[in-house]
């Protein structure tokens, strides 16, 4: 395929999917709120990967230094106080995450 054919094919593809004009936000799903939600999900996925990667690194360092074993990590039991603190943090995080979905539901109703 020649460069001219490639350029023409690319222009046809852009026309077919309806790329926005310069300065406009692209929209890929049927509703802009769906695009925003998808963007949030992808961002959360990226953040989750970063956190998991860091955790794996920390666990490997702790094991390599002989500070804890893999079995100790897997079998660790939180104290009642630690569990309560974790549950409180989980409830707060869940509220923050789902609060935005409530807003989306309210604007689309």
N, C-alpha and C. Protein backbone atom coordinates (compact mmCIF):
# COMPACT_ATOMS: atom_id res chain seq x y z
N UNK A 1 0.85 -1.17 0.00
CA UNK A 1 0.00 0.00 0.00
C UNK A 1 0.90 1.24 0.00
N UNK A 2 0.60 2.14 -0.88
CA UNK A 2 1.40 3.36 -0.99
C UNK A 2 1.06 4.32 0.15
N UNK A 3 1.93 5.29 0.40
CA UNK A 3 1.61 6.28 1.45
C UNK A 3 0.31 7.02 1.17
N UNK A 4 0.03 7.30 -0.10
CA UNK A 4 -1.21 8.00 -0.44
C UNK A 4 -2.42 7.12 -0.12
N UNK A 5 -2.32 5.82 -0.41
CA UNK A 5 -3.41 4.89 -0.11
C UNK A 5 -3.62 4.75 1.40
N UNK A 6 -2.51 4.72 2.14
CA UNK A 6 -2.61 4.65 3.59
C UNK A 6 -3.30 5.90 4.15
N UNK A 7 -2.94 7.06 3.63
CA UNK A 7 -3.54 8.31 4.09
C UNK A 7 -5.03 8.33 3.76
N UNK A 8 -5.38 7.88 2.56
CA UNK A 8 -6.79 7.86 2.15
C UNK A 8 -7.57 6.88 3.03
N UNK A 9 -7.00 5.70 3.32
CA UNK A 9 -7.66 4.71 4.18
C UNK A 9 -7.86 5.26 5.59
N UNK A 10 -6.84 5.96 6.10
CA UNK A 10 -6.95 6.55 7.43
C UNK A 10 -8.04 7.61 7.45
N UNK A 11 -8.11 8.44 6.42
CA UNK A 11 -9.14 9.48 6.34
C UNK A 11 -10.53 8.86 6.27
N UNK A 12 -10.66 7.77 5.55
CA UNK A 12 -11.96 7.08 5.46
C UNK A 12 -12.34 6.48 6.81
N UNK A 13 -11.35 5.93 7.50
CA UNK A 13 -11.62 5.36 8.82
C UNK A 13 -12.07 6.44 9.80
N UNK A 14 -11.39 7.58 9.79
CA UNK A 14 -11.76 8.69 10.67
C UNK A 14 -13.17 9.15 10.33
N UNK A 15 -13.49 9.26 9.06
CA UNK A 15 -14.83 9.69 8.66
C UNK A 15 -15.88 8.67 9.09
N UNK A 16 -15.55 7.39 9.01
CA UNK A 16 -16.50 6.34 9.37
C UNK A 16 -16.83 6.32 10.85
N UNK A 17 -15.86 6.61 11.70
CA UNK A 17 -16.14 6.56 13.14
C UNK A 17 -16.50 7.91 13.71
N UNK A 18 -16.50 8.93 12.88
CA UNK A 18 -16.98 10.24 13.32
C UNK A 18 -16.08 10.93 14.32
N UNK A 19 -14.82 11.05 14.02
CA UNK A 19 -13.90 11.74 14.92
C UNK A 19 -14.35 13.18 15.08
N UNK A 20 -14.17 13.73 16.26
CA UNK A 20 -14.60 15.11 16.52
C UNK A 20 -13.69 16.12 15.82
N UNK A 21 -14.20 17.31 15.71
CA UNK A 21 -13.41 18.41 15.19
C UNK A 21 -12.32 18.75 16.19
N UNK A 22 -11.29 19.45 15.73
CA UNK A 22 -10.21 19.87 16.63
C UNK A 22 -10.79 20.67 17.79
N UNK A 23 -10.35 20.34 19.01
CA UNK A 23 -10.81 21.04 20.20
C UNK A 23 -12.03 20.43 20.85
N UNK A 24 -12.68 19.48 20.19
CA UNK A 24 -13.84 18.81 20.78
C UNK A 24 -13.40 17.52 21.47
N UNK A 25 -14.16 17.14 22.50
CA UNK A 25 -13.89 15.89 23.18
C UNK A 25 -14.41 14.73 22.34
N UNK A 26 -13.60 13.67 22.18
CA UNK A 26 -14.09 12.52 21.42
C UNK A 26 -15.16 11.77 22.22
N UNK A 27 -16.09 11.16 21.51
CA UNK A 27 -17.13 10.35 22.13
C UNK A 27 -17.15 9.02 21.40
N UNK A 28 -16.98 7.93 22.14
CA UNK A 28 -16.90 6.62 21.53
C UNK A 28 -18.10 5.75 21.82
N UNK A 29 -18.82 6.04 22.90
CA UNK A 29 -19.97 5.25 23.29
C UNK A 29 -21.24 6.06 23.04
N UNK A 30 -22.41 5.42 23.11
CA UNK A 30 -23.65 6.10 22.74
C UNK A 30 -23.99 7.35 23.55
N UNK A 31 -23.47 7.47 24.76
CA UNK A 31 -23.80 8.62 25.60
C UNK A 31 -22.53 9.14 26.25
N UNK A 32 -22.34 10.45 26.34
CA UNK A 32 -21.12 11.01 26.94
C UNK A 32 -20.89 10.53 28.38
N UNK A 33 -21.96 10.28 29.14
CA UNK A 33 -21.78 9.77 30.49
C UNK A 33 -21.14 8.38 30.48
N UNK A 34 -21.46 7.59 29.47
CA UNK A 34 -20.85 6.27 29.35
C UNK A 34 -19.36 6.41 29.06
N UNK A 35 -19.00 7.39 28.25
CA UNK A 35 -17.58 7.66 27.99
C UNK A 35 -16.87 8.05 29.29
N UNK A 36 -17.51 8.91 30.07
CA UNK A 36 -16.90 9.36 31.33
C UNK A 36 -16.75 8.19 32.29
N UNK A 37 -17.76 7.34 32.36
CA UNK A 37 -17.70 6.18 33.23
C UNK A 37 -16.60 5.22 32.79
N UNK A 38 -16.49 4.99 31.48
CA UNK A 38 -15.45 4.12 30.96
C UNK A 38 -14.07 4.69 31.27
N UNK A 39 -13.91 5.99 31.13
CA UNK A 39 -12.64 6.63 31.44
C UNK A 39 -12.27 6.42 32.91
N UNK A 40 -13.27 6.53 33.78
CA UNK A 40 -13.04 6.31 35.21
C UNK A 40 -12.65 4.87 35.49
N UNK A 41 -13.33 3.94 34.86
CA UNK A 41 -13.02 2.52 35.06
C UNK A 41 -11.59 2.21 34.59
N UNK A 42 -11.21 2.75 33.46
CA UNK A 42 -9.85 2.52 32.96
C UNK A 42 -8.81 3.15 33.88
N UNK A 43 -9.10 4.34 34.40
CA UNK A 43 -8.18 4.99 35.34
C UNK A 43 -8.04 4.17 36.62
N UNK A 44 -9.16 3.66 37.12
CA UNK A 44 -9.11 2.82 38.32
C UNK A 44 -8.32 1.54 38.07
N UNK A 45 -8.51 0.96 36.88
CA UNK A 45 -7.75 -0.24 36.53
C UNK A 45 -6.25 0.04 36.54
N UNK A 46 -5.86 1.19 36.01
CA UNK A 46 -4.45 1.56 36.01
C UNK A 46 -3.92 1.75 37.42
N UNK A 47 -4.71 2.41 38.25
CA UNK A 47 -4.30 2.61 39.64
C UNK A 47 -4.20 1.29 40.39
N UNK A 48 -5.14 0.40 40.14
CA UNK A 48 -5.11 -0.91 40.78
C UNK A 48 -3.85 -1.67 40.39
N UNK A 49 -3.51 -1.63 39.12
CA UNK A 49 -2.29 -2.30 38.68
C UNK A 49 -1.06 -1.74 39.40
N UNK A 50 -0.96 -0.43 39.50
CA UNK A 50 0.18 0.20 40.18
C UNK A 50 0.26 -0.28 41.62
N UNK A 51 -0.86 -0.28 42.32
CA UNK A 51 -0.88 -0.71 43.72
C UNK A 51 -0.48 -2.17 43.85
N UNK A 52 -1.01 -3.03 42.98
CA UNK A 52 -0.66 -4.45 43.04
C UNK A 52 0.82 -4.66 42.75
N UNK A 53 1.35 -3.94 41.80
CA UNK A 53 2.76 -4.07 41.46
C UNK A 53 3.64 -3.65 42.63
N UNK A 54 3.28 -2.55 43.27
CA UNK A 54 4.05 -2.09 44.44
C UNK A 54 3.94 -3.09 45.60
N UNK A 55 2.77 -3.65 45.80
CA UNK A 55 2.60 -4.63 46.86
C UNK A 55 3.45 -5.86 46.60
N UNK A 56 3.45 -6.34 45.36
CA UNK A 56 4.29 -7.49 45.02
C UNK A 56 5.76 -7.19 45.26
N UNK A 57 6.19 -5.98 44.92
CA UNK A 57 7.58 -5.58 45.15
C UNK A 57 7.89 -5.57 46.63
N UNK A 58 7.02 -4.98 47.43
CA UNK A 58 7.23 -4.94 48.88
C UNK A 58 7.27 -6.34 49.48
N UNK A 59 6.35 -7.21 49.06
CA UNK A 59 6.34 -8.57 49.57
C UNK A 59 7.63 -9.30 49.19
N UNK A 60 8.08 -9.10 47.96
CA UNK A 60 9.33 -9.75 47.53
C UNK A 60 10.52 -9.24 48.34
N UNK A 61 10.58 -7.94 48.59
CA UNK A 61 11.67 -7.38 49.39
C UNK A 61 11.64 -7.94 50.82
N UNK A 62 10.46 -7.99 51.41
CA UNK A 62 10.34 -8.52 52.77
C UNK A 62 10.77 -9.99 52.83
N UNK A 63 10.38 -10.76 51.82
CA UNK A 63 10.77 -12.17 51.78
C UNK A 63 12.26 -12.33 51.52
N UNK A 64 12.81 -11.55 50.58
CA UNK A 64 14.24 -11.63 50.27
C UNK A 64 15.11 -11.28 51.47
N UNK A 65 14.64 -10.35 52.29
CA UNK A 65 15.40 -9.95 53.48
C UNK A 65 15.14 -10.88 54.67
N UNK A 66 14.28 -11.87 54.46
CA UNK A 66 13.98 -12.82 55.52
C UNK A 66 13.13 -12.26 56.64
N UNK A 67 12.43 -11.17 56.38
CA UNK A 67 11.61 -10.55 57.42
C UNK A 67 10.26 -11.24 57.59
N UNK A 68 9.69 -11.72 56.51
CA UNK A 68 8.44 -12.48 56.55
C UNK A 68 8.48 -13.53 55.44
N UNK A 69 7.69 -14.57 55.61
CA UNK A 69 7.59 -15.60 54.57
C UNK A 69 6.27 -15.42 53.83
N UNK A 70 6.16 -16.06 52.69
CA UNK A 70 4.92 -16.01 51.92
C UNK A 70 3.77 -16.58 52.74
N UNK A 71 4.04 -17.65 53.50
CA UNK A 71 3.00 -18.25 54.34
C UNK A 71 2.52 -17.27 55.41
N UNK A 72 3.44 -16.51 56.00
CA UNK A 72 3.06 -15.52 57.01
C UNK A 72 2.15 -14.45 56.42
N UNK A 73 2.47 -14.02 55.21
CA UNK A 73 1.65 -13.01 54.53
C UNK A 73 0.25 -13.56 54.27
N UNK A 74 0.18 -14.78 53.74
CA UNK A 74 -1.11 -15.38 53.39
C UNK A 74 -1.97 -15.70 54.61
N UNK A 75 -1.34 -16.07 55.72
CA UNK A 75 -2.12 -16.50 56.88
C UNK A 75 -2.31 -15.42 57.95
N UNK A 76 -1.82 -14.21 57.68
CA UNK A 76 -1.92 -13.13 58.66
C UNK A 76 -3.37 -12.83 59.00
N UNK A 77 -3.66 -12.70 60.27
CA UNK A 77 -5.02 -12.39 60.75
C UNK A 77 -5.00 -11.01 61.41
N UNK A 78 -5.91 -10.16 60.98
CA UNK A 78 -6.03 -8.83 61.58
C UNK A 78 -6.60 -8.94 62.99
N UNK A 79 -6.19 -8.01 63.84
CA UNK A 79 -6.80 -7.92 65.16
C UNK A 79 -8.19 -7.31 64.99
N UNK A 80 -9.00 -7.36 66.02
CA UNK A 80 -10.33 -6.76 65.96
C UNK A 80 -10.25 -5.27 65.66
N UNK A 81 -9.28 -4.59 66.28
CA UNK A 81 -9.10 -3.15 66.05
C UNK A 81 -8.67 -2.89 64.60
N UNK A 82 -7.75 -3.68 64.09
CA UNK A 82 -7.30 -3.51 62.70
C UNK A 82 -8.45 -3.79 61.73
N UNK A 83 -9.24 -4.82 62.01
CA UNK A 83 -10.37 -5.16 61.15
C UNK A 83 -11.40 -4.04 61.13
N UNK A 84 -11.68 -3.46 62.30
CA UNK A 84 -12.63 -2.35 62.39
C UNK A 84 -12.13 -1.14 61.60
N UNK A 85 -10.85 -0.84 61.72
CA UNK A 85 -10.27 0.28 60.99
C UNK A 85 -10.33 0.03 59.49
N UNK A 86 -10.01 -1.19 59.07
CA UNK A 86 -10.08 -1.55 57.65
C UNK A 86 -11.50 -1.45 57.14
N UNK A 87 -12.46 -1.96 57.90
CA UNK A 87 -13.86 -1.92 57.48
C UNK A 87 -14.36 -0.48 57.35
N UNK A 88 -13.92 0.39 58.24
CA UNK A 88 -14.30 1.80 58.17
C UNK A 88 -13.72 2.45 56.90
N UNK A 89 -12.45 2.16 56.63
CA UNK A 89 -11.81 2.72 55.43
C UNK A 89 -12.50 2.19 54.17
N UNK A 90 -12.88 0.91 54.17
CA UNK A 90 -13.58 0.32 53.02
C UNK A 90 -14.94 1.00 52.81
N UNK A 91 -15.66 1.23 53.89
CA UNK A 91 -16.97 1.89 53.79
C UNK A 91 -16.82 3.31 53.23
N UNK A 92 -15.80 4.03 53.68
CA UNK A 92 -15.57 5.39 53.17
C UNK A 92 -15.21 5.38 51.69
N UNK A 93 -14.34 4.45 51.30
CA UNK A 93 -13.95 4.35 49.89
C UNK A 93 -15.15 3.97 49.02
N UNK A 94 -15.94 3.02 49.48
CA UNK A 94 -17.12 2.59 48.72
C UNK A 94 -18.09 3.75 48.54
N UNK A 95 -18.29 4.53 49.59
CA UNK A 95 -19.17 5.70 49.49
C UNK A 95 -18.64 6.69 48.45
N UNK A 96 -17.34 6.96 48.48
CA UNK A 96 -16.75 7.90 47.51
C UNK A 96 -16.93 7.39 46.08
N UNK A 97 -16.68 6.12 45.86
CA UNK A 97 -16.76 5.55 44.51
C UNK A 97 -18.19 5.58 43.99
N UNK A 98 -19.14 5.14 44.81
CA UNK A 98 -20.51 5.03 44.34
C UNK A 98 -21.29 6.33 44.40
N UNK A 99 -20.78 7.32 45.12
CA UNK A 99 -21.43 8.62 45.15
C UNK A 99 -21.48 9.22 43.74
N UNK A 100 -20.40 9.07 42.98
CA UNK A 100 -20.39 9.61 41.62
C UNK A 100 -21.39 8.89 40.73
N UNK A 101 -21.61 7.61 40.96
CA UNK A 101 -22.60 6.88 40.16
C UNK A 101 -24.01 7.34 40.48
N UNK A 102 -24.25 7.72 41.74
CA UNK A 102 -25.56 8.27 42.10
C UNK A 102 -25.82 9.56 41.32
N UNK A 103 -24.76 10.39 41.17
CA UNK A 103 -24.89 11.64 40.43
C UNK A 103 -25.23 11.37 38.97
N UNK A 104 -24.59 10.37 38.38
CA UNK A 104 -24.87 10.02 36.99
C UNK A 104 -26.32 9.58 36.85
N UNK A 105 -26.78 8.76 37.78
CA UNK A 105 -28.17 8.31 37.74
C UNK A 105 -29.15 9.45 37.87
N UNK A 106 -28.82 10.43 38.69
CA UNK A 106 -29.70 11.57 38.90
C UNK A 106 -29.78 12.45 37.66
N UNK A 107 -28.66 12.59 36.93
CA UNK A 107 -28.67 13.47 35.76
C UNK A 107 -29.31 12.80 34.55
N UNK A 108 -29.34 11.46 34.52
CA UNK A 108 -29.89 10.79 33.35
C UNK A 108 -31.35 10.43 33.55
N UNK A 109 -31.88 10.65 34.76
CA UNK A 109 -33.29 10.28 35.05
C UNK A 109 -34.26 11.31 34.54
